[in-house]
Amino acid sequence: MKKRIYVAIAICAISILVVGCGSKPTSSSPVQGSDPANTTPAPIANPSEENGESQEIEVFYADDQLLQVEQRKKEITFKDDSEKYSKTYAALQSSGQTELIPLWSNIELLSATFDQGKLTLDVHIPDEARLGSGGELLAIDALKGTFFQFDEVTHIDLLVDGDATDSLMGHAELEHPLTRE
């Protein structure tokens, strides 16, 4: 039932965006390739880190029309599980492709902690990073898709400046915690 409500909200928000009432975030990342079908993993960490482990992950971004999320593969290098989650978040912040919009690009990760299946992400959202309701729903979907790929993550608690807020950016309800579906 909640999924149908989210879809209805997303359709309404997209309609508003189409008529020009919303603004689309832009990627400030350099284009990695000119081929839109390019799925070559883009390294986001220095692979020569001593004692680091590399892992190919799936990262979700919005399409250039802000209609849906699309996944791409990236490689991250990390020393421990805590760093794995912060590097994964960093991957959400840059797509490296102009046709994919990183919805978390201007949202600062304050901390990432993991305990008994629950990943807690504390973020700071500056005013220029706020999206409309459709973008907010896509951002949450991108976050869930990216972090729930890790089998050990069963819940995500998303905090804004240390607080469990009712909404991420003021439009869509934010559950505490988000659960794997």
C-alpha atoms as a PDB file:
ATOM      1  CA  MET A   1       0.000   0.000   0.000  1.00  0.00           C
ATOM      2  CA  LYS A   2       2.811   2.423   0.922  1.00  0.00           C
ATOM      3  CA  LYS A   3       4.530   1.670  -2.373  1.00  0.00           C
ATOM      4  CA  ARG A   4       1.402   2.741  -4.297  1.00  0.00           C
ATOM      5  CA  ILE A   5       1.266   5.985  -2.347  1.00  0.00           C
ATOM      6  CA  TYR A   6       4.944   6.643  -3.080  1.00  0.00           C
ATOM      7  CA  VAL A   7       4.364   5.935  -6.772  1.00  0.00           C
ATOM      8  CA  ALA A   8       1.399   8.324  -6.837  1.00  0.00           C
ATOM      9  CA  ILE A   9       3.444  11.008  -5.088  1.00  0.00           C
ATOM     10  CA  ALA A  10       6.319  10.452  -7.496  1.00  0.00           C
ATOM     11  CA  ILE A  11       4.014  10.782 -10.529  1.00  0.00           C
ATOM     12  CA  CYS A  12       2.584  14.041  -9.173  1.00  0.00           C
ATOM     13  CA  ALA A  13       6.054  15.385  -8.468  1.00  0.00           C
ATOM     14  CA  ILE A  14       7.275  14.452 -11.902  1.00  0.00           C
ATOM     15  CA  SER A  15       4.313  16.250 -13.449  1.00  0.00           C
ATOM     16  CA  ILE A  16       5.263  19.364 -11.505  1.00  0.00           C
ATOM     17  CA  LEU A  17       8.879  19.036 -12.610  1.00  0.00           C
ATOM     18  CA  VAL A  18       7.866  18.690 -16.245  1.00  0.00           C
ATOM     19  CA  VAL A  19       6.034  22.014 -16.222  1.00  0.00           C
ATOM     20  CA  GLY A  20       9.078  23.750 -14.776  1.00  0.00           C
ATOM     21  CA  CYS A  21       8.243  24.175 -11.109  1.00  0.00           C
ATOM     22  CA  GLY A  22      11.206  22.119  -9.958  1.00  0.00           C
ATOM     23  CA  SER A  23      14.889  22.358 -10.541  1.00  0.00           C
ATOM     24  CA  LYS A  24      17.113  19.521 -11.585  1.00  0.00           C
ATOM     25  CA  PRO A  25      20.402  19.052  -9.753  1.00  0.00           C
ATOM     26  CA  THR A  26      23.457  19.054 -11.943  1.00  0.00           C
ATOM     27  CA  SER A  27      26.491  16.886 -11.713  1.00  0.00           C
ATOM     28  CA  SER A  28      29.764  18.704 -11.291  1.00  0.00           C
ATOM     29  CA  SER A  29      31.700  15.520 -11.955  1.00  0.00           C
ATOM     30  CA  PRO A  30      33.753  15.132 -15.092  1.00  0.00           C
ATOM     31  CA  VAL A  31      32.303  12.878 -17.753  1.00  0.00           C
ATOM     32  CA  GLN A  32      33.992   9.505 -17.613  1.00  0.00           C
ATOM     33  CA  GLY A  33      33.003   8.506 -21.132  1.00  0.00           C
ATOM     34  CA  SER A  34      30.789   9.704 -23.892  1.00  0.00           C
ATOM     35  CA  ASP A  35      29.023   6.371 -24.383  1.00  0.00           C
ATOM     36  CA  PRO A  36      25.757   6.389 -22.353  1.00  0.00           C
ATOM     37  CA  ALA A  37      25.864   2.591 -22.109  1.00  0.00           C
ATOM     38  CA  ASN A  38      29.287   2.761 -20.500  1.00  0.00           C
ATOM     39  CA  THR A  39      29.166   0.598 -17.401  1.00  0.00           C
ATOM     40  CA  THR A  40      32.902   0.499 -16.743  1.00  0.00           C
ATOM     41  CA  PRO A  41      33.430   0.681 -12.992  1.00  0.00           C
ATOM     42  CA  ALA A  42      34.758   4.059 -11.913  1.00  0.00           C
ATOM     43  CA  PRO A  43      37.220   3.795  -9.057  1.00  0.00           C
ATOM     44  CA  ILE A  44      36.377   6.104  -6.188  1.00  0.00           C
ATOM     45  CA  ALA A  45      39.277   5.227  -3.976  1.00  0.00           C
ATOM     46  CA  ASN A  46      42.975   4.771  -4.400  1.00  0.00           C
ATOM     47  CA  PRO A  47      43.362   1.048  -5.156  1.00  0.00           C
ATOM     48  CA  SER A  48      46.911   1.116  -3.826  1.00  0.00           C
ATOM     49  CA  GLU A  49      45.772   1.711  -0.244  1.00  0.00           C
ATOM     50  CA  GLU A  50      47.812  -0.553   1.988  1.00  0.00           C
ATOM     51  CA  ASN A  51      45.899  -3.476   3.481  1.00  0.00           C
ATOM     52  CA  GLY A  52      42.758  -2.312   1.673  1.00  0.00           C
ATOM     53  CA  GLU A  53      40.081  -4.584   0.310  1.00  0.00           C
ATOM     54  CA  SER A  54      38.473  -3.849  -3.053  1.00  0.00           C
ATOM     55  CA  GLN A  55      34.869  -4.644  -3.866  1.00  0.00           C
ATOM     56  CA  GLU A  56      32.699  -3.972  -6.884  1.00  0.00           C
ATOM     57  CA  ILE A  57      29.368  -2.534  -5.770  1.00  0.00           C
ATOM     58  CA  GLU A  58      26.146  -1.394  -7.401  1.00  0.00           C
ATOM     59  CA  VAL A  59      25.331   2.282  -6.979  1.00  0.00           C
ATOM     60  CA  PHE A  60      22.000   3.890  -7.850  1.00  0.00           C
ATOM     61  CA  TYR A  61      21.522   7.295  -9.494  1.00  0.00           C
ATOM     62  CA  ALA A  62      18.580   9.144 -11.050  1.00  0.00           C
ATOM     63  CA  ASP A  63      18.233   9.253 -14.806  1.00  0.00           C
ATOM     64  CA  ASP A  64      18.621  12.683 -16.398  1.00  0.00           C
ATOM     65  CA  GLN A  65      14.827  13.189 -16.414  1.00  0.00           C
ATOM     66  CA  LEU A  66      14.464  12.372 -12.683  1.00  0.00           C
ATOM     67  CA  LEU A  67      11.980   9.603 -13.496  1.00  0.00           C
ATOM     68  CA  GLN A  68      13.689   6.523 -12.094  1.00  0.00           C
ATOM     69  CA  VAL A  69      16.858   5.221 -10.516  1.00  0.00           C
ATOM     70  CA  GLU A  70      19.423   3.326 -12.547  1.00  0.00           C
ATOM     71  CA  GLN A  71      22.283   1.236 -11.257  1.00  0.00           C
ATOM     72  CA  ARG A  72      25.909   1.286 -12.262  1.00  0.00           C
ATOM     73  CA  LYS A  73      28.876  -0.672 -10.972  1.00  0.00           C
ATOM     74  CA  LYS A  74      31.746   1.008  -9.161  1.00  0.00           C
ATOM     75  CA  GLU A  75      34.752  -0.294  -7.332  1.00  0.00           C
ATOM     76  CA  ILE A  76      35.536   0.829  -3.814  1.00  0.00           C
ATOM     77  CA  THR A  77      38.615   0.195  -1.693  1.00  0.00           C
ATOM     78  CA  PHE A  78      38.340   0.179   2.084  1.00  0.00           C
ATOM     79  CA  LYS A  79      40.230  -0.956   5.170  1.00  0.00           C
ATOM     80  CA  ASP A  80      37.302  -2.003   7.386  1.00  0.00           C
ATOM     81  CA  ASP A  81      33.506  -2.248   7.402  1.00  0.00           C
ATOM     82  CA  SER A  82      33.054   1.284   8.735  1.00  0.00           C
ATOM     83  CA  GLU A  83      35.092   2.671   5.872  1.00  0.00           C
ATOM     84  CA  LYS A  84      33.210   0.401   3.438  1.00  0.00           C
ATOM     85  CA  TYR A  85      29.967   2.249   4.205  1.00  0.00           C
ATOM     86  CA  SER A  86      31.504   5.722   3.968  1.00  0.00           C
ATOM     87  CA  LYS A  87      33.174   4.817   0.640  1.00  0.00           C
ATOM     88  CA  THR A  88      29.850   3.459  -0.609  1.00  0.00           C
ATOM     89  CA  TYR A  89      28.196   6.748   0.351  1.00  0.00           C
ATOM     90  CA  ALA A  90      30.939   8.621  -1.507  1.00  0.00           C
ATOM     91  CA  ALA A  91      30.093   6.521  -4.577  1.00  0.00           C
ATOM     92  CA  LEU A  92      26.497   7.797  -4.326  1.00  0.00           C
ATOM     93  CA  GLN A  93      27.802  11.361  -4.562  1.00  0.00           C
ATOM     94  CA  SER A  94      29.349  11.126  -8.024  1.00  0.00           C
ATOM     95  CA  SER A  95      28.167   9.185 -11.053  1.00  0.00           C
ATOM     96  CA  GLY A  96      30.883  10.217 -13.488  1.00  0.00           C
ATOM     97  CA  GLN A  97      28.275  10.249 -16.275  1.00  0.00           C
ATOM     98  CA  THR A  98      26.224  13.242 -17.418  1.00  0.00           C
ATOM     99  CA  GLU A  99      23.107  11.141 -18.030  1.00  0.00           C
ATOM    100  CA  LEU A 100      23.058   9.951 -14.395  1.00  0.00           C
ATOM    101  CA  ILE A 101      22.317  12.387 -11.589  1.00  0.00           C
ATOM    102  CA  PRO A 102      23.877  11.692  -8.178  1.00  0.00           C
ATOM    103  CA  LEU A 103      21.080  12.729  -5.820  1.00  0.00           C
ATOM    104  CA  TRP A 104      23.393  12.713  -2.787  1.00  0.00           C
ATOM    105  CA  SER A 105      26.123  14.860  -4.379  1.00  0.00           C
ATOM    106  CA  ASN A 106      25.800  17.879  -2.075  1.00  0.00           C
ATOM    107  CA  ILE A 107      24.694  16.038   1.052  1.00  0.00           C
ATOM    108  CA  GLU A 108      27.506  15.654   3.568  1.00  0.00           C
ATOM    109  CA  LEU A 109      27.920  12.377   5.439  1.00  0.00           C
ATOM    110  CA  LEU A 110      28.627  13.232   9.082  1.00  0.00           C
ATOM    111  CA  SER A 111      28.980   9.628  10.261  1.00  0.00           C
ATOM    112  CA  ALA A 112      28.298   6.026   9.320  1.00  0.00           C
ATOM    113  CA  THR A 113      28.005   3.375  12.022  1.00  0.00           C
ATOM    114  CA  PHE A 114      26.975  -0.255  11.804  1.00  0.00           C
ATOM    115  CA  ASP A 115      25.704  -2.396  14.672  1.00  0.00           C
ATOM    116  CA  GLN A 116      23.869  -5.740  14.519  1.00  0.00           C
ATOM    117  CA  GLY A 117      22.390  -5.308  11.040  1.00  0.00           C
ATOM    118  CA  LYS A 118      21.529  -1.618  11.453  1.00  0.00           C
ATOM    119  CA  LEU A 119      23.448   0.973   9.463  1.00  0.00           C
ATOM    120  CA  THR A 120      23.052   4.486  10.846  1.00  0.00           C
ATOM    121  CA  LEU A 121      23.875   7.316   8.465  1.00  0.00           C
ATOM    122  CA  ASP A 122      23.936  10.856   9.821  1.00  0.00           C
ATOM    123  CA  VAL A 123      23.859  13.500   7.082  1.00  0.00           C
ATOM    124  CA  HIS A 124      23.814  17.270   6.756  1.00  0.00           C
ATOM    125  CA  ILE A 125      21.609  18.690   3.982  1.00  0.00           C
ATOM    126  CA  PRO A 126      22.409  22.251   2.886  1.00  0.00           C
ATOM    127  CA  ASP A 127      19.569  24.241   1.317  1.00  0.00           C
ATOM    128  CA  GLU A 128      21.021  23.945  -2.200  1.00  0.00           C
ATOM    129  CA  ALA A 129      20.892  20.127  -1.948  1.00  0.00           C
ATOM    130  CA  ARG A 130      17.158  19.943  -1.230  1.00  0.00           C
ATOM    131  CA  LEU A 131      15.021  18.282  -3.899  1.00  0.00           C
ATOM    132  CA  GLY A 132      11.302  18.261  -4.630  1.00  0.00           C
ATOM    133  CA  SER A 133       9.168  15.351  -3.455  1.00  0.00           C
ATOM    134  CA  GLY A 134       9.910  13.228  -6.532  1.00  0.00           C
ATOM    135  CA  GLY A 135      13.641  13.755  -6.176  1.00  0.00           C
ATOM    136  CA  GLU A 136      13.448  13.056  -2.458  1.00  0.00           C
ATOM    137  CA  LEU A 137      11.739   9.706  -3.079  1.00  0.00           C
ATOM    138  CA  LEU A 138      14.305   8.807  -5.740  1.00  0.00           C
ATOM    139  CA  ALA A 139      17.131   9.753  -3.354  1.00  0.00           C
ATOM    140  CA  ILE A 140      15.763   7.418  -0.683  1.00  0.00           C
ATOM    141  CA  ASP A 141      15.343   4.638  -3.277  1.00  0.00           C
ATOM    142  CA  ALA A 142      18.936   5.174  -4.468  1.00  0.00           C
ATOM    143  CA  LEU A 143      20.211   5.009  -0.890  1.00  0.00           C
ATOM    144  CA  LYS A 144      18.235   1.851  -0.105  1.00  0.00           C
ATOM    145  CA  GLY A 145      19.245   0.118  -3.343  1.00  0.00           C
ATOM    146  CA  THR A 146      22.895   0.937  -2.787  1.00  0.00           C
ATOM    147  CA  PHE A 147      23.189  -0.073   0.876  1.00  0.00           C
ATOM    148  CA  PHE A 148      20.788  -3.024   0.965  1.00  0.00           C
ATOM    149  CA  GLN A 149      23.022  -4.858  -1.503  1.00  0.00           C
ATOM    150  CA  PHE A 150      25.179  -5.707   1.514  1.00  0.00           C
ATOM    151  CA  ASP A 151      23.689  -8.840   3.089  1.00  0.00           C
ATOM    152  CA  GLU A 152      24.632  -7.735   6.593  1.00  0.00           C
ATOM    153  CA  VAL A 153      22.591  -4.494   6.313  1.00  0.00           C
ATOM    154  CA  THR A 154      18.986  -5.225   7.272  1.00  0.00           C
ATOM    155  CA  HIS A 155      18.006  -1.721   8.455  1.00  0.00           C
ATOM    156  CA  ILE A 156      19.117   1.820   7.656  1.00  0.00           C
ATOM    157  CA  ASP A 157      18.469   4.650  10.068  1.00  0.00           C
ATOM    158  CA  LEU A 158      18.899   7.938   8.235  1.00  0.00           C
ATOM    159  CA  LEU A 159      19.458  10.903  10.543  1.00  0.00           C
ATOM    160  CA  VAL A 160      19.639  14.578   9.599  1.00  0.00           C
ATOM    161  CA  ASP A 161      22.125  16.479  11.758  1.00  0.00           C
ATOM    162  CA  GLY A 162      21.804  13.788  14.432  1.00  0.00           C
ATOM    163  CA  ASP A 163      17.989  13.842  14.545  1.00  0.00           C
ATOM    164  CA  ALA A 164      15.484  11.209  13.418  1.00  0.00           C
ATOM    165  CA  THR A 165      13.348  13.559  11.323  1.00  0.00           C
ATOM    166  CA  ASP A 166       9.859  12.859   9.954  1.00  0.00           C
ATOM    167  CA  SER A 167      11.053  13.701   6.448  1.00  0.00           C
ATOM    168  CA  LEU A 168      14.426  13.826   4.727  1.00  0.00           C
ATOM    169  CA  MET A 169      13.823  17.112   2.894  1.00  0.00           C
ATOM    170  CA  GLY A 170      10.337  18.084   3.955  1.00  0.00           C
ATOM    171  CA  HIS A 171       8.231  16.224   1.390  1.00  0.00           C
ATOM    172  CA  ALA A 172       8.099  12.451   1.850  1.00  0.00           C
ATOM    173  CA  GLU A 173       7.687  10.481   5.063  1.00  0.00           C
ATOM    174  CA  LEU A 174      10.941   8.995   6.337  1.00  0.00           C
ATOM    175  CA  GLU A 175      10.633   5.735   8.260  1.00  0.00           C
ATOM    176  CA  HIS A 176      13.015   5.014  11.152  1.00  0.00           C
ATOM    177  CA  PRO A 177      14.582   2.689  10.371  1.00  0.00           C
ATOM    178  CA  LEU A 178      14.236   1.946   6.662  1.00  0.00           C
ATOM    179  CA  THR A 179      13.914  -1.811   6.248  1.00  0.00           C
ATOM    180  CA  ARG A 180      14.863  -4.184   3.490  1.00  0.00           C
ATOM    181  CA  GLU A 181      11.789  -5.145   1.470  1.00  0.00           C
END
